[in-house]
Amino acid sequence: MNQTSVPETALKAGVAAAQAAALQAAEGPQQYLTFMLGAEVFAIEILSIREIIEHAPLTQVPMMPQYVGGVINLRGAVVPVVDLAVRFGRAASAVSKRTCIVIIEVQAGEERQQVGLLVDAVNAVLEIAPAQIEPPPAFGARVRTDFIRGMGKVDSKFIILLNVTDLLKSEELEHLKGAEQPAAGGAE
């Protein structure tokens, strides 16, 4: 059953177009996908994002870190899904009609690995010039500062720009690779 709404479909097309444009304009403003976790707005650089999919039931894998909600089958590939709220030390995200999984690609040693990020809602793709990005705060952030790339100023508000490389360290990615093995007989 496909419950993708028109705005989500438009966002998916916008992500693909934004990725192509971002490759051409590496020196100018960077493009970021903004999304919600609770009432807060976060963003990830568009070049790290592969796609956005609607929430699907996750297959739980034993012995995974608490922030890994489970795995999904993405066109035959087993992709671990990280609940960003739990990763940030908050309560697990409640699933709603707007809940999405943002598929990112991160460096895992010698190879690249896809990881899903569970978010409450996807907003839009924004351009943020380097001059509009402040360094991460030294204190007071409700997210570990090593996860924060910077604070983007947009319309007199700040958007927390996440550093996807540091969201999952290489040893954590190696642990997540273990989630790929039991997929053939995995239980819900």
Protein backbone atom coordinates (compact mmCIF):
# COMPACT_ATOMS: atom_id res chain seq x y z
CA MET A 1 0.00 0.00 0.00
CA ASN A 2 1.57 3.25 -1.08
CA GLN A 3 0.62 6.22 1.06
CA THR A 4 3.16 8.65 -0.40
CA SER A 5 1.54 12.06 -0.58
CA VAL A 6 2.01 14.53 -3.40
CA PRO A 7 4.28 16.77 -1.30
CA GLU A 8 6.55 13.79 -0.45
CA THR A 9 6.75 12.83 -4.13
CA ALA A 10 7.62 16.40 -5.01
CA LEU A 11 10.28 16.44 -2.28
CA LYS A 12 11.82 13.23 -3.65
CA ALA A 13 12.06 14.79 -7.11
CA GLY A 14 13.43 17.97 -5.55
CA VAL A 15 16.14 15.99 -3.73
CA ALA A 16 17.31 14.40 -7.00
CA ALA A 17 17.40 17.78 -8.77
CA ALA A 18 19.12 19.42 -5.81
CA GLN A 19 21.83 16.72 -5.74
CA ALA A 20 22.65 17.35 -9.40
CA ALA A 21 22.73 21.11 -8.87
CA ALA A 22 24.89 20.76 -5.74
CA LEU A 23 27.52 18.84 -7.70
CA GLN A 24 27.81 21.76 -10.13
CA ALA A 25 27.94 24.52 -7.51
CA ALA A 26 30.47 23.18 -4.98
CA GLU A 27 31.87 26.64 -4.15
CA GLY A 28 28.61 28.53 -3.75
CA PRO A 29 25.75 27.96 -1.34
CA GLN A 30 25.31 24.36 -0.27
CA GLN A 31 21.96 22.61 -0.36
CA TYR A 32 20.53 20.92 2.72
CA LEU A 33 17.50 18.73 3.29
CA THR A 34 15.63 20.00 6.36
CA PHE A 35 13.59 17.70 8.57
CA MET A 36 11.85 17.65 11.92
CA LEU A 37 12.64 15.75 15.09
CA GLY A 38 9.96 16.71 17.54
CA ALA A 39 9.65 20.50 17.30
CA GLU A 40 13.25 21.07 16.19
CA VAL A 41 14.52 21.55 12.63
CA PHE A 42 17.70 19.79 11.51
CA ALA A 43 19.42 19.57 8.14
CA ILE A 44 21.80 17.26 6.29
CA GLU A 45 23.90 18.20 3.26
CA ILE A 46 22.05 16.99 0.17
CA LEU A 47 25.11 15.22 -1.28
CA SER A 48 24.96 12.62 1.52
CA ILE A 49 21.33 11.73 0.79
CA ARG A 50 20.42 8.94 -1.61
CA GLU A 51 16.62 9.00 -1.26
CA ILE A 52 13.63 9.53 1.01
CA ILE A 53 11.15 6.72 1.58
CA GLU A 54 7.94 6.43 3.56
CA HIS A 55 8.12 4.66 6.89
CA ALA A 56 7.86 0.88 6.65
CA PRO A 57 7.86 -1.74 9.39
CA LEU A 58 11.37 -2.45 10.63
CA THR A 59 12.78 -5.92 11.21
CA GLN A 60 14.46 -5.90 14.60
CA VAL A 61 17.90 -7.44 14.90
CA PRO A 62 19.11 -8.74 18.27
CA MET A 63 22.17 -7.22 19.94
CA MET A 64 22.03 -3.93 18.00
CA PRO A 65 22.60 -0.61 19.75
CA GLN A 66 19.43 0.92 21.20
CA TYR A 67 19.36 3.70 18.58
CA VAL A 68 19.09 1.15 15.74
CA GLY A 69 15.37 0.57 15.32
CA GLY A 70 15.93 -2.33 12.93
CA VAL A 71 16.58 -2.96 9.26
CA ILE A 72 14.60 -2.57 6.04
CA ASN A 73 14.82 -4.29 2.69
CA LEU A 74 15.66 -1.60 0.13
CA ARG A 75 15.55 -3.19 -3.32
CA GLY A 76 17.24 -6.35 -2.04
CA ALA A 77 19.78 -4.58 0.20
CA VAL A 78 19.59 -4.74 3.98
CA VAL A 79 19.73 -1.19 5.34
CA PRO A 80 19.99 -0.46 9.08
CA VAL A 81 17.66 2.31 10.29
CA VAL A 82 18.82 4.68 13.04
CA ASP A 83 16.19 6.46 15.13
CA LEU A 84 17.82 9.91 15.32
CA ALA A 85 15.80 10.88 18.37
CA VAL A 86 17.24 7.92 20.32
CA ARG A 87 20.71 8.61 18.89
CA PHE A 88 20.42 12.12 20.36
CA GLY A 89 19.46 10.72 23.78
CA ARG A 90 15.72 11.37 23.51
CA ALA A 91 12.66 9.14 23.60
CA ALA A 92 12.04 7.03 20.50
CA SER A 93 10.16 8.73 17.68
CA ALA A 94 6.43 8.10 17.50
CA VAL A 95 5.45 6.99 14.00
CA SER A 96 2.95 9.23 12.19
CA LYS A 97 1.74 9.71 8.61
CA ARG A 98 4.64 12.12 8.01
CA THR A 99 7.38 9.86 9.42
CA CYS A 100 10.04 9.15 6.79
CA ILE A 101 13.29 7.28 6.43
CA VAL A 102 16.08 9.36 4.88
CA ILE A 103 18.59 7.05 3.21
CA ILE A 104 22.13 8.40 3.47
CA GLU A 105 25.44 7.00 2.33
CA VAL A 106 28.41 7.12 4.69
CA GLN A 107 32.02 5.97 4.47
CA ALA A 108 32.56 2.69 6.37
CA GLY A 109 36.28 1.96 6.19
CA GLU A 110 37.14 1.20 2.56
CA GLU A 111 33.55 1.09 1.35
CA ARG A 112 30.37 3.15 1.44
CA GLN A 113 27.34 1.98 3.39
CA GLN A 114 23.71 3.01 3.22
CA VAL A 115 21.99 3.86 6.50
CA GLY A 116 18.40 4.97 7.05
CA LEU A 117 17.64 7.86 9.41
CA LEU A 118 14.17 7.83 10.98
CA VAL A 119 12.81 11.39 11.09
CA ASP A 120 9.41 12.80 12.11
CA ALA A 121 8.86 14.75 8.88
CA VAL A 122 10.81 16.00 5.88
CA ASN A 123 10.45 19.74 5.20
CA ALA A 124 12.30 21.14 2.19
CA VAL A 125 15.63 21.57 0.43
CA LEU A 126 17.28 24.88 1.34
CA GLU A 127 20.37 26.65 0.05
CA ILE A 128 22.63 27.98 2.78
CA ALA A 129 25.69 30.04 1.91
CA PRO A 130 28.91 29.33 3.84
CA ALA A 131 28.74 32.89 5.25
CA GLN A 132 25.38 31.99 6.86
CA ILE A 133 26.85 29.06 8.81
CA GLU A 134 28.10 29.59 12.33
CA PRO A 135 30.30 27.10 14.20
CA PRO A 136 28.58 24.63 16.54
CA PRO A 137 27.81 25.97 20.01
CA ALA A 138 30.31 25.09 22.73
CA PHE A 139 27.48 24.36 25.17
CA GLY A 140 23.70 24.39 25.47
CA ALA A 141 22.91 22.25 22.42
CA ARG A 142 20.49 19.39 22.99
CA VAL A 143 22.56 17.31 20.55
CA ARG A 144 26.16 16.21 21.07
CA THR A 145 28.37 18.87 19.51
CA ASP A 146 30.42 16.30 17.57
CA PHE A 147 27.23 15.54 15.60
CA ILE A 148 26.84 19.21 14.62
CA ARG A 149 28.55 20.60 11.53
CA GLY A 150 27.30 24.11 12.18
CA MET A 151 24.30 26.34 12.73
CA GLY A 152 22.72 27.62 9.53
CA LYS A 153 21.03 31.03 9.70
CA VAL A 154 17.79 30.99 7.71
CA ASP A 155 15.18 33.74 8.05
CA SER A 156 16.58 34.90 11.43
CA LYS A 157 16.35 31.36 12.84
CA PHE A 158 18.99 28.69 13.30
CA ILE A 159 18.85 25.24 11.73
CA ILE A 160 21.15 22.60 13.18
CA LEU A 161 23.34 21.24 10.37
CA LEU A 162 24.29 17.66 11.15
CA ASN A 163 27.62 16.05 10.32
CA VAL A 164 26.62 12.64 8.93
CA THR A 165 30.20 11.41 9.11
CA ASP A 166 30.18 11.78 12.90
CA LEU A 167 26.60 10.58 13.48
CA LEU A 168 28.01 7.07 13.14
CA LYS A 169 31.69 6.47 13.85
CA SER A 170 33.53 3.78 11.86
CA GLU A 171 33.37 1.23 14.72
CA GLU A 172 29.59 1.77 14.96
CA LEU A 173 29.25 1.24 11.22
CA GLU A 174 31.17 -2.03 11.53
CA HIS A 175 28.68 -3.09 14.22
CA LEU A 176 25.79 -2.16 11.93
CA LYS A 177 27.27 -4.30 9.15
CA GLY A 178 26.47 -7.25 11.41
CA ALA A 179 22.79 -6.36 10.96
CA GLU A 180 23.08 -7.29 7.28
CA GLN A 181 23.83 -10.97 7.94
CA PRO A 182 20.58 -12.31 9.50
CA ALA A 183 18.28 -10.68 6.95
CA ALA A 184 17.42 -13.90 5.10
CA GLY A 185 15.59 -15.37 8.09
CA GLY A 186 15.01 -12.18 10.11
CA ALA A 187 11.86 -11.93 12.18
CA GLU A 188 9.68 -8.87 12.55
